[in-house]
Amino acid sequence: MTVTLGVGLHGKIIGYLSQTTKGQIAFRFTESYLSMFDRPVLSQSFEDDLFRTYYGKDRLLPAFFANLIPEHGALRDLIENNLGVSPGDDLALLEAVGRDLPGAVEIVSVDGDDLPVQEDLEVPVYVTDHEDGLKSKEPGLRFSLAGVQMKFSVLRDPDRITLPASNQDGEWIVKLGSARFPFTVENEYAMMQWAMSAGFDVPECHLQDAETVSGSLRKHADFGDRVFVIRRYDRQAGLRIHQEDFAQVTNLRPELKYDHIKYEQCGGLIKQLLGDEAYYEFIRRLTFVIASGNADAHLKNWSFLYLDKQQPSLAPMYDQVCTIAWPELSSELALKLAGTKNWFALELKRFESLAERAGADPIKTTETVQETLAQLVDAWNNSQASTLLPQPHSQHLQAFWGRVPLLRPYVLEMKWPT
């Protein structure tokens, strides 16, 4: 028996995911989508050949769809258990959470014996819980957020964080602290405030008391004392805005988010698809990644946003954490920059090399790096970021700036807490 799921985008079914009796999973677009005059873009990874069938390797989901579900970890375990999905069954998990995925994609059940009749159909409205066969102890956990960190898609007002009903979209993401890595939520909030103060595009975010989290949500995890809450940029005024992360753009499975692609390739791709202005914004953001000691700026932490459904733009910054605050974590860049992941080999010449490989202007690229560092120093000294970052983390960051060649000339200009 073949299992077939409809792939919806902006409310219309545009393709099908099918699993054969031998377990292989394939995706193809519908004829009606291919004939659209103003068709919306699902992923840059499909744009070179919309007419082929895309197969997942080793009975796995094709890469674009694999990146829509949580990676293996506590969040995935919780959702699988809550929805009665067998551990490791990616296709079943995708179907179970398919109505609240990142971006404007939806996955719905269809009649595999009558596909031509269903082409270009509207994606059906949400079903109520008694109308489908999924086990659900808590309808509000039918969401998917990429990554491994424990977090939830929620609704928020200033005094209350709640799970959405089964027919609602979460408009915020709430992140929990970690007993293993203390002050993670305070750290991320400080980094996002620093970025915002330096003029970067950052979603609205808050650090708030965990007591504001509803009891129905708190029963699923230990929320600690405080939580980090950030507005979803792919949900605006009740509408879904399509997005894709760079693992999807480059057609790589989530487990390869640290491999195969270098920062210069990301920059070259942005320059090619979005133009010079976006490329230099990428350079600014990469400079911030280095300045903030963020060793986790992998492919899934860079995204495109499709505000007009067709042309990509850089999504706002997210998941900005000063990871060097925990010495036991990785002490190198997530991706290679001009041949190295070594923080202590980073200097302006690396950015010259990056620019040359990306087909950009090396002089303007290095000038952008220097201008950004000056802006970051000013923002640090004149915003709350330096006081928001827990003092032990600030001490690690200060030592880090003293050791990284790119940052060392600016370390004495920074007003470090004492």
Protein backbone atom coordinates (compact mmCIF):
# COMPACT_ATOMS: atom_id res chain seq x y z
CA MET A 1 0.00 0.00 0.00
CA THR A 2 1.24 3.49 -0.87
CA VAL A 3 0.95 6.29 1.70
CA THR A 4 0.30 9.69 0.11
CA LEU A 5 0.20 13.12 1.74
CA GLY A 6 -0.71 16.44 0.18
CA VAL A 7 1.79 19.30 0.45
CA GLY A 8 0.01 22.62 0.86
CA LEU A 9 1.49 26.08 0.39
CA HIS A 10 -0.49 29.26 1.11
CA GLY A 11 -3.68 27.23 1.32
CA LYS A 12 -3.42 25.17 -1.89
CA ILE A 13 -2.12 21.66 -2.46
CA ILE A 14 0.92 22.02 -4.72
CA GLY A 15 2.53 18.59 -4.49
CA TYR A 16 2.49 15.09 -3.03
CA LEU A 17 4.71 13.08 -0.71
CA SER A 18 4.34 9.36 -1.35
CA GLN A 19 5.83 6.36 0.42
CA THR A 20 5.92 3.11 -1.52
CA THR A 21 5.43 -0.36 -0.08
CA LYS A 22 9.25 -0.65 0.00
CA GLY A 23 9.48 2.45 2.18
CA GLN A 24 10.99 4.93 -0.28
CA ILE A 25 9.60 8.47 0.06
CA ALA A 26 9.23 10.72 -2.99
CA PHE A 27 7.97 14.25 -3.65
CA ARG A 28 6.63 15.77 -6.84
CA PHE A 29 4.75 18.95 -7.72
CA THR A 30 1.23 18.92 -9.16
CA GLU A 31 0.65 19.81 -12.79
CA SER A 32 -1.55 22.71 -11.74
CA TYR A 33 1.27 24.19 -9.62
CA LEU A 34 3.73 23.84 -12.49
CA SER A 35 1.36 25.70 -14.81
CA MET A 36 0.72 28.62 -12.42
CA PHE A 37 1.68 32.02 -13.80
CA ASP A 38 2.56 33.51 -10.40
CA ARG A 39 3.40 30.32 -8.54
CA PRO A 40 4.71 30.74 -4.99
CA VAL A 41 8.19 29.37 -4.23
CA LEU A 42 8.40 26.34 -1.94
CA SER A 43 12.20 26.14 -1.84
CA GLN A 44 15.19 27.34 -3.81
CA SER A 45 16.36 23.71 -3.79
CA PHE A 46 13.56 22.81 -6.20
CA GLU A 47 13.80 25.81 -8.51
CA ASP A 48 16.43 24.36 -10.87
CA ASP A 49 14.20 21.42 -11.79
CA LEU A 50 10.54 21.61 -10.83
CA PHE A 51 9.55 18.69 -13.04
CA ARG A 52 11.62 15.92 -11.49
CA THR A 53 10.61 13.62 -8.66
CA TYR A 54 12.69 14.14 -5.49
CA TYR A 55 13.53 11.04 -3.47
CA GLY A 56 14.71 10.75 0.10
CA LYS A 57 17.79 8.61 0.67
CA ASP A 58 17.62 5.37 2.62
CA ARG A 59 13.83 5.53 3.08
CA LEU A 60 14.11 8.95 4.69
CA LEU A 61 12.19 12.14 3.95
CA PRO A 62 13.58 14.34 1.16
CA ALA A 63 15.83 16.98 2.74
CA PHE A 64 13.41 19.91 2.52
CA PHE A 65 10.75 18.03 4.48
CA ALA A 66 13.22 16.47 6.94
CA ASN A 67 14.08 20.01 8.02
CA LEU A 68 10.45 20.77 8.91
CA ILE A 69 10.32 18.42 11.90
CA PRO A 70 12.22 18.58 15.21
CA GLU A 71 15.59 16.89 15.34
CA HIS A 72 16.06 13.94 17.67
CA GLY A 73 15.99 15.10 21.27
CA ALA A 74 13.67 15.98 24.15
CA LEU A 75 11.30 18.16 22.09
CA ARG A 76 10.79 15.48 19.46
CA ASP A 77 10.35 12.79 22.12
CA LEU A 78 7.67 14.88 23.83
CA ILE A 79 5.72 15.54 20.62
CA GLU A 80 5.96 11.91 19.43
CA ASN A 81 4.69 10.65 22.77
CA ASN A 82 1.92 13.26 22.94
CA LEU A 83 0.62 12.39 19.46
CA GLY A 84 1.18 8.64 19.62
CA VAL A 85 3.76 8.62 16.82
CA SER A 86 6.25 5.76 16.75
CA PRO A 87 9.79 6.99 17.55
CA GLY A 88 11.80 7.59 14.41
CA ASP A 89 8.83 7.55 12.00
CA ASP A 90 9.57 10.84 10.23
CA LEU A 91 6.69 10.65 7.76
CA ALA A 92 4.12 9.93 10.47
CA LEU A 93 5.50 12.76 12.59
CA LEU A 94 5.38 15.15 9.65
CA GLU A 95 1.74 14.24 9.05
CA ALA A 96 0.88 14.56 12.75
CA VAL A 97 2.29 18.10 13.08
CA GLY A 98 1.64 19.06 9.47
CA ARG A 99 -0.88 21.81 10.17
CA ASP A 100 1.57 23.97 12.16
CA LEU A 101 4.95 23.79 10.45
CA PRO A 102 7.58 26.51 10.01
CA GLY A 103 6.62 28.87 7.18
CA ALA A 104 3.48 28.49 5.08
CA VAL A 105 3.76 24.74 4.39
CA GLU A 106 1.04 22.33 5.49
CA ILE A 107 0.89 18.54 5.23
CA VAL A 108 -2.55 16.94 4.89
CA SER A 109 -3.99 13.50 4.23
CA VAL A 110 -5.30 12.91 0.70
CA ASP A 111 -6.88 10.05 -1.23
CA GLY A 112 -3.91 8.44 -2.97
CA ASP A 113 -6.21 6.69 -5.47
CA ASP A 114 -7.70 9.90 -6.83
CA LEU A 115 -4.86 12.43 -6.98
CA PRO A 116 -5.64 14.13 -10.33
CA VAL A 117 -9.06 15.20 -9.06
CA GLN A 118 -7.48 16.78 -5.97
CA GLU A 119 -4.87 18.88 -7.74
CA ASP A 120 -5.05 22.57 -6.89
CA LEU A 121 -7.57 21.91 -4.11
CA GLU A 122 -7.76 24.25 -1.16
CA VAL A 123 -6.07 22.84 1.93
CA PRO A 124 -8.97 21.77 4.17
CA VAL A 125 -9.69 23.74 7.29
CA TYR A 126 -8.56 22.36 10.62
CA VAL A 127 -10.37 19.26 11.76
CA THR A 128 -11.55 19.00 15.34
CA ASP A 129 -9.96 16.44 17.59
CA HIS A 130 -12.75 13.87 17.41
CA GLU A 131 -12.73 13.94 13.60
CA ASP A 132 -9.29 12.46 13.10
CA GLY A 133 -7.55 9.33 14.29
CA LEU A 134 -4.52 10.85 15.95
CA LYS A 135 -4.05 10.23 19.62
CA SER A 136 -3.79 13.60 21.32
CA LYS A 137 -3.44 14.21 25.01
CA GLU A 138 -2.90 17.89 24.30
CA PRO A 139 -4.00 19.37 20.94
CA GLY A 140 -1.73 22.37 21.42
CA LEU A 141 1.37 20.20 20.98
CA ARG A 142 0.60 19.60 17.30
CA PHE A 143 3.36 21.96 16.17
CA SER A 144 6.83 21.60 14.75
CA LEU A 145 9.82 23.80 15.47
CA ALA A 146 13.20 22.97 14.03
CA GLY A 147 16.16 22.16 16.25
CA VAL A 148 16.71 20.21 19.45
CA GLN A 149 16.18 22.82 22.18
CA MET A 150 13.04 22.48 24.29
CA LYS A 151 10.62 25.17 23.12
CA PHE A 152 6.94 25.57 22.33
CA SER A 153 4.82 27.43 19.80
CA VAL A 154 2.44 29.51 21.92
CA LEU A 155 0.07 32.43 22.27
CA ARG A 156 1.09 35.33 24.50
CA ASP A 157 -0.30 38.35 26.20
CA PRO A 158 1.85 40.27 28.69
CA ASP A 159 0.65 38.22 31.65
CA ARG A 160 -0.03 34.81 30.15
CA ILE A 161 1.64 32.26 27.86
CA THR A 162 -0.71 29.54 26.65
CA LEU A 163 -0.87 26.70 24.17
CA PRO A 164 -2.97 27.46 21.08
CA ALA A 165 -6.18 25.55 20.51
CA SER A 166 -6.09 22.80 17.89
CA ASN A 167 -7.42 25.21 15.25
CA GLN A 168 -5.02 28.06 16.07
CA ASP A 169 -1.46 28.91 15.10
CA GLY A 170 1.12 29.77 17.71
CA GLU A 171 2.39 33.32 17.23
CA TRP A 172 5.29 33.21 19.69
CA ILE A 173 8.01 30.77 20.66
CA VAL A 174 8.80 30.22 24.32
CA LYS A 175 12.20 28.75 25.21
CA LEU A 176 13.12 27.08 28.46
CA GLY A 177 16.25 27.38 30.51
CA SER A 178 18.64 24.48 30.99
CA ALA A 179 19.96 22.93 34.20
CA ARG A 180 23.01 21.75 32.26
CA PHE A 181 23.74 25.19 30.78
CA PRO A 182 22.71 27.85 33.32
CA PHE A 183 21.34 31.22 32.22
CA THR A 184 20.63 30.22 28.61
CA VAL A 185 17.47 32.35 28.40
CA GLU A 186 19.16 35.37 29.97
CA ASN A 187 22.10 34.91 27.61
CA GLU A 188 19.95 34.79 24.47
CA TYR A 189 17.86 37.77 25.55
CA ALA A 190 21.02 39.82 26.13
CA MET A 191 22.43 38.90 22.72
CA MET A 192 19.18 39.76 20.95
CA GLN A 193 19.03 43.11 22.74
CA TRP A 194 22.63 43.82 21.77
CA ALA A 195 21.84 43.00 18.13
CA MET A 196 18.71 45.16 18.17
CA SER A 197 20.63 48.08 19.68
CA ALA A 198 23.19 47.78 16.87
CA GLY A 199 20.46 48.12 14.25
CA PHE A 200 19.90 44.50 13.26
CA ASP A 201 16.48 43.14 12.29
CA VAL A 202 15.41 41.26 15.41
CA PRO A 203 11.89 40.02 16.27
CA GLU A 204 10.19 41.36 19.36
CA CYS A 205 11.34 39.32 22.35
CA HIS A 206 10.95 39.28 26.12
CA LEU A 207 12.45 37.72 29.21
CA GLN A 208 9.66 36.96 31.66
CA ASP A 209 8.74 35.07 34.79
CA ALA A 210 7.97 31.38 34.25
CA GLU A 211 4.89 31.83 36.44
CA THR A 212 3.24 33.47 33.41
CA VAL A 213 3.29 30.09 31.61
CA SER A 214 -0.07 28.34 31.83
CA GLY A 215 -0.40 25.18 33.89
CA SER A 216 -1.42 23.15 30.83
CA LEU A 217 1.95 23.96 29.29
CA ARG A 218 4.09 23.76 32.43
CA LYS A 219 3.09 20.14 32.99
CA HIS A 220 5.17 19.16 29.95
CA ALA A 221 8.54 20.45 31.15
CA ASP A 222 10.41 22.24 33.92
CA PHE A 223 10.34 25.91 32.93
CA GLY A 224 12.64 27.06 35.69
CA ASP A 225 12.36 30.66 36.93
CA ARG A 226 12.37 32.62 33.67
CA VAL A 227 11.62 32.01 30.01
CA PHE A 228 12.64 33.65 26.74
CA VAL A 229 9.73 34.54 24.46
CA ILE A 230 10.17 35.65 20.85
CA ARG A 231 7.58 36.59 18.24
CA ARG A 232 7.38 34.25 15.24
CA TYR A 233 8.29 36.21 12.12
CA ASP A 234 6.53 33.60 9.95
CA ARG A 235 3.17 34.41 11.55
CA GLN A 236 1.81 37.91 10.99
CA ALA A 237 -1.70 39.16 11.71
CA GLY A 238 -3.15 35.67 11.42
CA LEU A 239 -1.32 34.93 8.16
CA ARG A 240 1.49 32.49 7.49
CA ILE A 241 4.62 33.87 5.84
CA HIS A 242 6.69 31.28 4.04
CA GLN A 243 10.30 30.71 5.04
CA GLU A 244 13.06 28.16 4.58
CA ASP A 245 16.35 27.72 6.40
CA PHE A 246 19.68 27.35 4.64
CA ALA A 247 19.75 23.59 5.13
CA GLN A 248 16.58 23.51 3.03
CA VAL A 249 17.95 26.04 0.53
CA THR A 250 21.03 23.89 -0.02
CA ASN A 251 19.14 20.57 0.04
CA LEU A 252 20.95 19.16 3.05
CA ARG A 253 19.43 17.04 5.80
CA PRO A 254 19.39 18.59 9.31
CA GLU A 255 22.16 16.35 10.61
CA LEU A 256 24.46 17.96 8.02
CA LYS A 257 23.85 21.52 9.22
CA TYR A 258 27.50 21.89 10.24
CA ASP A 259 28.94 20.28 7.12
CA HIS A 260 29.42 20.71 3.38
CA ILE A 261 28.60 24.44 3.20
CA LYS A 262 30.93 27.30 4.16
CA TYR A 263 30.10 30.87 5.11
CA GLU A 264 31.50 32.14 1.81
CA GLN A 265 29.08 29.86 -0.03
CA CYS A 266 26.22 31.29 2.04
CA GLY A 267 27.39 34.78 1.17
CA GLY A 268 27.69 33.93 -2.52
CA LEU A 269 24.21 32.43 -2.56
CA ILE A 270 22.73 35.51 -0.88
CA LYS A 271 24.54 37.81 -3.31
CA GLN A 272 23.28 35.82 -6.29
CA LEU A 273 19.65 35.59 -5.18
CA LEU A 274 19.13 38.78 -3.16
CA GLY A 275 21.81 41.19 -4.39
CA ASP A 276 24.67 43.21 -2.93
CA GLU A 277 22.73 44.91 -0.14
CA ALA A 278 21.68 41.58 1.35
CA TYR A 279 25.22 40.24 0.98
CA TYR A 280 26.62 43.09 3.09
CA GLU A 281 23.86 42.54 5.64
CA PHE A 282 25.03 38.91 5.79
CA ILE A 283 28.58 40.18 6.44
CA ARG A 284 27.23 42.38 9.26
CA ARG A 285 25.42 39.43 10.80
CA LEU A 286 28.44 37.16 10.47
CA THR A 287 30.50 39.81 12.22
CA PHE A 288 27.97 39.79 15.05
CA VAL A 289 28.16 35.98 15.24
CA ILE A 290 31.91 36.30 15.82
CA ALA A 291 31.64 39.28 18.18
CA SER A 292 29.06 37.46 20.32
CA GLY A 293 31.06 34.22 20.48
CA ASN A 294 28.28 32.21 18.83
CA ALA A 295 29.57 28.79 17.80
CA ASP A 296 26.12 27.58 16.73
CA ALA A 297 25.34 29.75 13.68
CA HIS A 298 24.84 26.66 11.50
CA LEU A 299 22.73 26.35 8.35
CA LYS A 300 19.44 26.08 10.20
CA ASN A 301 20.04 29.39 11.95
CA TRP A 302 20.00 31.38 8.70
CA SER A 303 16.75 31.66 6.74
CA PHE A 304 14.99 33.19 3.75
CA LEU A 305 11.58 34.79 4.12
CA TYR A 306 9.11 35.08 1.22
CA LEU A 307 7.07 38.19 1.98
CA ASP A 308 5.59 38.33 -1.53
CA LYS A 309 5.54 34.51 -1.88
CA GLN A 310 8.14 34.55 -4.67
CA GLN A 311 11.20 36.69 -3.94
CA PRO A 312 13.36 35.72 -0.96
CA SER A 313 14.71 38.16 1.59
CA LEU A 314 16.81 37.58 4.69
CA ALA A 315 14.66 36.56 7.64
CA PRO A 316 15.20 38.45 10.92
CA MET A 317 18.00 37.23 13.16
CA TYR A 318 17.21 34.45 15.62
CA ASP A 319 18.94 31.92 17.91
CA GLN A 320 21.73 34.33 18.80
CA VAL A 321 23.52 32.92 21.83
CA CYS A 322 26.96 33.60 23.28
CA THR A 323 27.91 29.92 23.37
CA ILE A 324 31.52 30.53 24.44
CA ALA A 325 30.04 31.31 27.87
CA TRP A 326 30.00 27.53 28.43
CA PRO A 327 33.58 26.31 27.91
CA GLU A 328 32.41 22.69 27.64
CA LEU A 329 30.62 23.49 24.35
CA SER A 330 32.24 23.62 20.92
CA SER A 331 34.95 26.27 20.76
CA GLU A 332 34.94 26.80 17.00
CA LEU A 333 32.74 28.37 14.33
CA ALA A 334 29.75 26.33 13.17
CA LEU A 335 30.85 26.59 9.51
CA LYS A 336 34.19 27.27 7.89
CA LEU A 337 35.10 30.86 7.13
CA ALA A 338 37.76 31.12 4.43
CA GLY A 339 39.26 27.76 5.33
CA THR A 340 39.02 27.80 9.12
CA LYS A 341 36.64 27.24 12.02
CA ASN A 342 39.27 28.42 14.50
CA TRP A 343 38.19 31.57 16.34
CA PHE A 344 41.79 32.49 16.98
CA ALA A 345 42.68 32.49 13.28
CA LEU A 346 40.01 35.08 12.43
CA GLU A 347 41.32 38.37 11.09
CA LEU A 348 40.29 40.81 8.35
CA LYS A 349 42.19 38.85 5.69
CA ARG A 350 39.73 35.97 6.17
CA PHE A 351 36.92 38.28 5.11
CA GLU A 352 38.91 39.40 2.07
CA SER A 353 39.18 35.76 1.08
CA LEU A 354 35.49 35.18 1.79
CA ALA A 355 34.57 38.11 -0.47
CA GLU A 356 36.74 36.86 -3.31
CA ARG A 357 35.20 33.40 -3.12
CA ALA A 358 31.69 34.87 -2.95
CA GLY A 359 32.32 37.13 -5.96
CA ALA A 360 32.08 40.29 -3.86
CA ASP A 361 34.25 43.38 -3.28
CA PRO A 362 36.97 42.51 -0.69
CA ILE A 363 37.59 46.14 0.27
CA LYS A 364 33.94 46.99 0.89
CA THR A 365 33.53 43.67 2.73
CA THR A 366 36.33 44.41 5.20
CA GLU A 367 35.11 47.99 5.61
CA THR A 368 31.67 46.58 6.48
CA VAL A 369 33.25 44.32 9.10
CA GLN A 370 35.11 47.23 10.71
CA GLU A 371 32.06 49.51 10.64
CA THR A 372 29.96 46.77 12.22
CA LEU A 373 32.46 46.17 15.00
CA ALA A 374 32.48 49.88 15.81
CA GLN A 375 28.66 49.85 15.90
CA LEU A 376 28.68 46.81 18.17
CA VAL A 377 31.08 48.46 20.60
CA ASP A 378 28.86 51.55 20.71
CA ALA A 379 25.71 49.45 21.17
CA TRP A 380 27.30 47.41 23.96
CA ASN A 381 28.43 50.53 25.79
CA ASN A 382 25.14 52.38 25.43
CA SER A 383 22.49 49.71 25.84
CA GLN A 384 21.38 47.26 28.52
CA ALA A 385 23.10 44.33 26.81
CA SER A 386 26.21 44.47 28.99
CA THR A 387 24.16 44.40 32.19
CA LEU A 388 21.64 41.84 30.91
CA LEU A 389 24.33 39.25 30.17
CA PRO A 390 25.09 37.24 33.33
CA GLN A 391 28.43 38.36 34.75
CA PRO A 392 30.21 34.99 34.39
CA HIS A 393 29.22 35.00 30.70
CA SER A 394 30.41 38.58 30.29
CA GLN A 395 33.78 37.58 31.74
CA HIS A 396 34.09 34.76 29.21
CA LEU A 397 33.17 37.16 26.40
CA GLN A 398 35.77 39.70 27.55
CA ALA A 399 38.50 37.06 27.57
CA PHE A 400 37.32 35.89 24.15
CA TRP A 401 37.62 39.40 22.66
CA GLY A 402 41.15 39.59 23.99
CA ARG A 403 42.14 36.41 22.13
CA VAL A 404 40.42 36.75 18.74
CA PRO A 405 42.64 38.79 16.36
CA LEU A 406 39.62 40.38 14.65
CA LEU A 407 38.21 41.62 17.98
CA ARG A 408 41.37 42.34 19.98
CA PRO A 409 41.85 45.95 18.71
CA TYR A 410 38.42 46.85 20.14
CA VAL A 411 38.53 45.07 23.50
CA LEU A 412 39.67 48.12 25.47
CA GLU A 413 36.85 50.22 23.97
CA MET A 414 34.24 47.91 25.46
CA LYS A 415 32.82 48.84 28.87
CA TRP A 416 32.98 45.49 30.59
CA PRO A 417 30.99 45.02 33.83
CA THR A 418 33.13 44.85 36.93
